[in-house]
PDB file of N, CA and C in Angstrom:
ATOM      1  N   MET A   1     -56.786  25.155 -19.615  1.00  0.00           N
ATOM      2  CA  MET A   1     -57.615  24.071 -19.991  1.00  0.00           C
ATOM      3  C   MET A   1     -59.194  24.515 -19.660  1.00  0.00           C
ATOM      4  N   GLY A   2     -59.328  24.670 -19.498  1.00  0.00           N
ATOM      5  CA  GLY A   2     -60.798  25.416 -18.930  1.00  0.00           C
ATOM      6  C   GLY A   2     -61.507  25.320 -20.401  1.00  0.00           C
ATOM      7  N   PHE A   3     -60.867  25.608 -20.560  1.00  0.00           N
ATOM      8  CA  PHE A   3     -61.324  27.350 -22.430  1.00  0.00           C
ATOM      9  C   PHE A   3     -61.957  26.711 -23.320  1.00  0.00           C
ATOM     10  N   PHE A   4     -60.097  25.816 -23.736  1.00  0.00           N
ATOM     11  CA  PHE A   4     -59.922  24.258 -24.618  1.00  0.00           C
ATOM     12  C   PHE A   4     -61.583  23.577 -24.649  1.00  0.00           C
ATOM     13  N   ASP A   5     -62.493  23.626 -22.962  1.00  0.00           N
ATOM     14  CA  ASP A   5     -62.508  22.258 -23.128  1.00  0.00           C
ATOM     15  C   ASP A   5     -64.248  22.609 -23.331  1.00  0.00           C
ATOM     16  N   LYS A   6     -64.206  23.739 -22.926  1.00  0.00           N
ATOM     17  CA  LYS A   6     -65.262  24.881 -23.569  1.00  0.00           C
ATOM     18  C   LYS A   6     -65.518  24.322 -25.348  1.00  0.00           C
ATOM     19  N   LEU A   7     -64.331  24.827 -25.802  1.00  0.00           N
ATOM     20  CA  LEU A   7     -64.041  25.563 -26.433  1.00  0.00           C
ATOM     21  C   LEU A   7     -64.881  23.418 -27.343  1.00  0.00           C
ATOM     22  N   ARG A   8     -64.980  22.681 -26.829  1.00  0.00           N
ATOM     23  CA  ARG A   8     -64.778  21.181 -27.878  1.00  0.00           C
ATOM     24  C   ARG A   8     -66.271  20.818 -27.265  1.00  0.00           C
ATOM     25  N   ASN A   9     -67.317  21.328 -26.136  1.00  0.00           N
ATOM     26  CA  ASN A   9     -68.245  21.156 -25.905  1.00  0.00           C
ATOM     27  C   ASN A   9     -69.028  21.690 -27.306  1.00  0.00           C
ATOM     28  N   LYS A  10     -68.989  22.840 -26.883  1.00  0.00           N
ATOM     29  CA  LYS A  10     -69.627  23.749 -27.384  1.00  0.00           C
ATOM     30  C   LYS A  10     -69.440  23.712 -29.706  1.00  0.00           C
ATOM     31  N   ALA A  11     -68.569  22.413 -30.221  1.00  0.00           N
ATOM     32  CA  ALA A  11     -67.971  22.208 -30.911  1.00  0.00           C
ATOM     33  C   ALA A  11     -69.151  20.552 -30.844  1.00  0.00           C
ATOM     34  N   THR A  12     -68.823  19.640 -29.841  1.00  0.00           N
ATOM     35  CA  THR A  12     -69.689  19.090 -30.363  1.00  0.00           C
ATOM     36  C   THR A  12     -71.838  19.060 -30.603  1.00  0.00           C
ATOM     37  N   MET A  13     -72.115  20.005 -29.789  1.00  0.00           N
ATOM     38  CA  MET A  13     -72.641  20.749 -29.563  1.00  0.00           C
ATOM     39  C   MET A  13     -73.842  21.149 -31.260  1.00  0.00           C
ATOM     40  N   GLY A  14     -72.888  21.713 -31.235  1.00  0.00           N
ATOM     41  CA  GLY A  14     -72.398  22.039 -32.909  1.00  0.00           C
ATOM     42  C   GLY A  14     -72.892  20.697 -34.181  1.00  0.00           C
ATOM     43  N   LYS A  15     -71.581  20.140 -34.185  1.00  0.00           N
ATOM     44  CA  LYS A  15     -72.068  18.657 -34.441  1.00  0.00           C
ATOM     45  C   LYS A  15     -73.128  18.463 -34.325  1.00  0.00           C
ATOM     46  N   GLY A  16     -73.292  18.272 -33.228  1.00  0.00           N
ATOM     47  CA  GLY A  16     -74.913  17.501 -32.392  1.00  0.00           C
ATOM     48  C   GLY A  16     -76.106  18.453 -33.891  1.00  0.00           C
ATOM     49  N   HIS A  17     -76.207  19.913 -33.273  1.00  0.00           N
ATOM     50  CA  HIS A  17     -77.108  20.198 -34.408  1.00  0.00           C
ATOM     51  C   HIS A  17     -76.815  20.564 -36.313  1.00  0.00           C
ATOM     52  N   ALA A  18     -76.197  19.671 -36.355  1.00  0.00           N
ATOM     53  CA  ALA A  18     -76.170  19.508 -37.843  1.00  0.00           C
ATOM     54  C   ALA A  18     -76.035  17.755 -38.089  1.00  0.00           C
ATOM     55  N   LYS A  19     -76.374  17.201 -37.380  1.00  0.00           N
ATOM     56  CA  LYS A  19     -76.417  15.701 -37.457  1.00  0.00           C
ATOM     57  C   LYS A  19     -77.942  15.429 -37.694  1.00  0.00           C
ATOM     58  N   GLU A  20     -78.974  15.789 -36.556  1.00  0.00           N
ATOM     59  CA  GLU A  20     -80.365  16.466 -36.552  1.00  0.00           C
ATOM     60  C   GLU A  20     -80.085  16.336 -37.514  1.00  0.00           C
ATOM     61  N   ASN A  21     -80.558  17.784 -37.976  1.00  0.00           N
ATOM     62  CA  ASN A  21     -80.886  18.473 -39.845  1.00  0.00           C
ATOM     63  C   ASN A  21     -80.378  17.632 -40.685  1.00  0.00           C
ATOM     64  N   LEU A  22     -79.114  16.625 -40.965  1.00  0.00           N
ATOM     65  CA  LEU A  22     -79.162  16.117 -41.711  1.00  0.00           C
ATOM     66  C   LEU A  22     -80.148  15.231 -41.831  1.00  0.00           C
ATOM     67  N   GLY A  23     -80.538  14.179 -41.025  1.00  0.00           N
ATOM     68  CA  GLY A  23     -81.309  13.430 -40.449  1.00  0.00           C
ATOM     69  C   GLY A  23     -82.670  13.898 -40.739  1.00  0.00           C
ATOM     70  N   ARG A  24     -83.296  14.556 -40.464  1.00  0.00           N
ATOM     71  CA  ARG A  24     -84.604  15.747 -40.655  1.00  0.00           C
ATOM     72  C   ARG A  24     -84.809  15.373 -41.523  1.00  0.00           C
ATOM     73  N   GLU A  25     -83.810  15.803 -42.805  1.00  0.00           N
ATOM     74  CA  GLU A  25     -83.999  16.598 -43.625  1.00  0.00           C
ATOM     75  C   GLU A  25     -84.400  14.983 -45.254  1.00  0.00           C
ATOM     76  N   THR A  26     -83.479  14.562 -44.657  1.00  0.00           N
ATOM     77  CA  THR A  26     -82.832  12.795 -44.912  1.00  0.00           C
ATOM     78  C   THR A  26     -83.731  12.038 -44.880  1.00  0.00           C
ATOM     79  N   ARG A  27     -84.579  11.903 -43.517  1.00  0.00           N
ATOM     80  CA  ARG A  27     -85.026  11.200 -42.742  1.00  0.00           C
ATOM     81  C   ARG A  27     -84.914  10.028 -42.585  1.00  0.00           C
ATOM     82  N   ASP A  28     -83.799  10.475 -41.968  1.00  0.00           N
ATOM     83  CA  ASP A  28     -82.824   8.867 -41.127  1.00  0.00           C
ATOM     84  C   ASP A  28     -83.193   8.931 -40.053  1.00  0.00           C
ATOM     85  N   PRO A  29     -83.845   8.475 -38.724  1.00  0.00           N
ATOM     86  CA  PRO A  29     -84.019   8.639 -37.383  1.00  0.00           C
ATOM     87  C   PRO A  29     -82.846   8.006 -36.639  1.00  0.00           C
ATOM     88  N   GLY A  30     -82.177   7.729 -37.793  1.00  0.00           N
ATOM     89  CA  GLY A  30     -80.753   6.741 -36.943  1.00  0.00           C
ATOM     90  C   GLY A  30     -80.374   8.226 -36.184  1.00  0.00           C
ATOM     91  N   LEU A  31     -79.146   9.036 -37.994  1.00  0.00           N
ATOM     92  CA  LEU A  31     -78.685  10.221 -37.674  1.00  0.00           C
ATOM     93  C   LEU A  31     -79.399  11.057 -36.355  1.00  0.00           C
ATOM     94  N   THR A  32     -80.929  11.445 -36.545  1.00  0.00           N
ATOM     95  CA  THR A  32     -81.623  12.441 -35.843  1.00  0.00           C
ATOM     96  C   THR A  32     -81.237  12.296 -34.545  1.00  0.00           C
ATOM     97  N   ALA A  33     -81.101  10.813 -34.255  1.00  0.00           N
ATOM     98  CA  ALA A  33     -80.681  10.157 -32.947  1.00  0.00           C
ATOM     99  C   ALA A  33     -79.247  10.340 -32.221  1.00  0.00           C
ATOM    100  N   GLU A  34     -78.856  10.142 -33.378  1.00  0.00           N
ATOM    101  CA  GLU A  34     -77.184  10.343 -32.935  1.00  0.00           C
ATOM    102  C   GLU A  34     -77.089  12.072 -32.769  1.00  0.00           C
ATOM    103  N   GLY A  35     -77.479  12.731 -33.579  1.00  0.00           N
ATOM    104  CA  GLY A  35     -77.242  14.446 -33.529  1.00  0.00           C
ATOM    105  C   GLY A  35     -77.565  14.367 -31.852  1.00  0.00           C
ATOM    106  N   LYS A  36     -78.781  14.626 -32.222  1.00  0.00           N
ATOM    107  CA  LYS A  36     -79.437  14.224 -30.249  1.00  0.00           C
ATOM    108  C   LYS A  36     -78.601  14.333 -28.838  1.00  0.00           C
ATOM    109  N   THR A  37     -78.570  13.536 -28.870  1.00  0.00           N
ATOM    110  CA  THR A  37     -77.551  12.302 -28.607  1.00  0.00           C
ATOM    111  C   THR A  37     -76.192  13.313 -28.477  1.00  0.00           C
ATOM    112  N   ASP A  38     -75.623  13.593 -29.232  1.00  0.00           N
ATOM    113  CA  ASP A  38     -74.160  14.620 -29.699  1.00  0.00           C
ATOM    114  C   ASP A  38     -74.722  16.204 -28.637  1.00  0.00           C
ATOM    115  N   ARG A  39     -76.154  16.449 -29.184  1.00  0.00           N
ATOM    116  CA  ARG A  39     -76.668  18.151 -28.623  1.00  0.00           C
ATOM    117  C   ARG A  39     -76.452  17.874 -27.080  1.00  0.00           C
ATOM    118  N   LEU A  40     -76.668  16.769 -26.790  1.00  0.00           N
ATOM    119  CA  LEU A  40     -77.325  17.260 -25.091  1.00  0.00           C
ATOM    120  C   LEU A  40     -76.221  16.482 -24.326  1.00  0.00           C
ATOM    121  N   ARG A  41     -75.164  15.017 -25.403  1.00  0.00           N
ATOM    122  CA  ARG A  41     -73.578  15.216 -24.440  1.00  0.00           C
ATOM    123  C   ARG A  41     -72.543  16.370 -24.569  1.00  0.00           C
ATOM    124  N   GLY A  42     -72.603  17.015 -25.403  1.00  0.00           N
ATOM    125  CA  GLY A  42     -72.002  18.485 -25.091  1.00  0.00           C
ATOM    126  C   GLY A  42     -72.812  19.198 -24.170  1.00  0.00           C
ATOM    127  N   GLY A  43     -74.491  18.893 -24.221  1.00  0.00           N
ATOM    128  CA  GLY A  43     -74.552  20.820 -22.807  1.00  0.00           C
ATOM    129  C   GLY A  43     -74.753  19.817 -21.842  1.00  0.00           C
ATOM    130  N   ALA A  44     -74.859  18.869 -21.492  1.00  0.00           N
ATOM    131  CA  ALA A  44     -74.085  18.349 -19.858  1.00  0.00           C
ATOM    132  C   ALA A  44     -73.029  18.537 -19.894  1.00  0.00           C
ATOM    133  N   LYS A  45     -71.453  18.518 -20.328  1.00  0.00           N
ATOM    134  CA  LYS A  45     -70.928  18.969 -20.392  1.00  0.00           C
ATOM    135  C   LYS A  45     -70.161  20.161 -20.137  1.00  0.00           C
ATOM    136  N   GLN A  46     -71.456  21.136 -20.605  1.00  0.00           N
ATOM    137  CA  GLN A  46     -70.379  22.074 -20.674  1.00  0.00           C
ATOM    138  C   GLN A  46     -71.688  22.388 -19.041  1.00  0.00           C
ATOM    139  N   VAL A  47     -72.017  22.222 -18.407  1.00  0.00           N
ATOM    140  CA  VAL A  47     -73.139  22.434 -17.019  1.00  0.00           C
ATOM    141  C   VAL A  47     -72.331  21.948 -16.655  1.00  0.00           C
ATOM    142  N   GLY A  48     -71.619  21.128 -16.890  1.00  0.00           N
ATOM    143  CA  GLY A  48     -69.897  19.928 -15.802  1.00  0.00           C
ATOM    144  C   GLY A  48     -68.998  21.396 -15.803  1.00  0.00           C
ATOM    145  N   GLU A  49     -68.658  22.096 -16.443  1.00  0.00           N
ATOM    146  CA  GLU A  49     -67.161  23.299 -16.732  1.00  0.00           C
ATOM    147  C   GLU A  49     -68.243  24.104 -15.272  1.00  0.00           C
ATOM    148  N   ARG A  50     -69.870  24.583 -16.458  1.00  0.00           N
ATOM    149  CA  ARG A  50     -69.567  25.740 -14.719  1.00  0.00           C
ATOM    150  C   ARG A  50     -70.041  25.414 -14.096  1.00  0.00           C
ATOM    151  N   VAL A  51     -70.297  24.046 -13.466  1.00  0.00           N
ATOM    152  CA  VAL A  51     -70.090  23.745 -12.819  1.00  0.00           C
ATOM    153  C   VAL A  51     -68.522  23.928 -11.599  1.00  0.00           C
ATOM    154  N   LYS A  52     -67.936  23.747 -12.164  1.00  0.00           N
ATOM    155  CA  LYS A  52     -65.795  23.701 -12.063  1.00  0.00           C
ATOM    156  C   LYS A  52     -65.693  24.490 -11.478  1.00  0.00           C
ATOM    157  N   ASP A  53     -65.802  25.708 -12.580  1.00  0.00           N
ATOM    158  CA  ASP A  53     -66.092  27.632 -12.513  1.00  0.00           C
ATOM    159  C   ASP A  53     -66.663  28.038 -11.737  1.00  0.00           C
ATOM    160  N   ALA A  54     -67.591  27.253 -11.587  1.00  0.00           N
ATOM    161  CA  ALA A  54     -68.198  28.162 -10.051  1.00  0.00           C
ATOM    162  C   ALA A  54     -67.848  27.810  -8.976  1.00  0.00           C
ATOM    163  N   ALA A  55     -67.308  26.519  -8.870  1.00  0.00           N
ATOM    164  CA  ALA A  55     -66.381  26.089  -7.626  1.00  0.00           C
ATOM    165  C   ALA A  55     -65.169  26.815  -7.143  1.00  0.00           C
ATOM    166  N   ARG A  56     -64.518  26.961  -8.652  1.00  0.00           N
ATOM    167  CA  ARG A  56     -63.431  27.496  -8.308  1.00  0.00           C
ATOM    168  C   ARG A  56     -63.815  28.754  -8.343  1.00  0.00           C
ATOM    169  N   ASP A  57     -64.345  29.579  -9.114  1.00  0.00           N
ATOM    170  CA  ASP A  57     -64.994  31.132  -8.144  1.00  0.00           C
ATOM    171  C   ASP A  57     -65.323  31.333  -6.142  1.00  0.00           C
ATOM    172  N   ILE A  58     -65.666  30.323  -5.309  1.00  0.00           N
ATOM    173  CA  ILE A  58     -65.988  30.363  -4.567  1.00  0.00           C
ATOM    174  C   ILE A  58     -64.768  29.681  -3.627  1.00  0.00           C
ATOM    175  N   ARG A  59     -64.405  29.328  -3.920  1.00  0.00           N
ATOM    176  CA  ARG A  59     -62.317  29.060  -3.893  1.00  0.00           C
ATOM    177  C   ARG A  59     -62.176  30.562  -3.630  1.00  0.00           C
ATOM    178  N   ARG A  60     -62.007  31.454  -4.467  1.00  0.00           N
ATOM    179  CA  ARG A  60     -61.309  32.467  -5.170  1.00  0.00           C
ATOM    180  C   ARG A  60     -61.906  33.534  -3.984  1.00  0.00           C
ATOM    181  N   SER A  61     -62.882  33.248  -3.805  1.00  0.00           N
ATOM    182  CA  SER A  61     -63.781  34.258  -2.288  1.00  0.00           C
ATOM    183  C   SER A  61     -63.468  34.408  -1.498  1.00  0.00           C
ATOM    184  N   THR A  62     -63.224  32.780  -0.425  1.00  0.00           N
ATOM    185  CA  THR A  62     -63.306  32.455   0.356  1.00  0.00           C
ATOM    186  C   THR A  62     -61.108  32.638   0.878  1.00  0.00           C
ATOM    187  N   LYS A  63     -60.922  33.130  -0.398  1.00  0.00           N
ATOM    188  CA  LYS A  63     -59.025  33.223   0.741  1.00  0.00           C
ATOM    189  C   LYS A  63     -59.040  33.865   1.430  1.00  0.00           C
TER     190      LYS A  63
END
């Protein structure tokens, strides 16, 4: 399940970049802000996945 979560987070970040760029091109501040939000949300979730992976590695190494 972790791989698909990471993939979904990367897709969210990509979608955010696209929205942000489109908002800049069309001079739509709402779309730009929505893109930044998506990008940051995906990045934050990626950090959470990395923390989970690190915790799992620590548990495996202490056994």
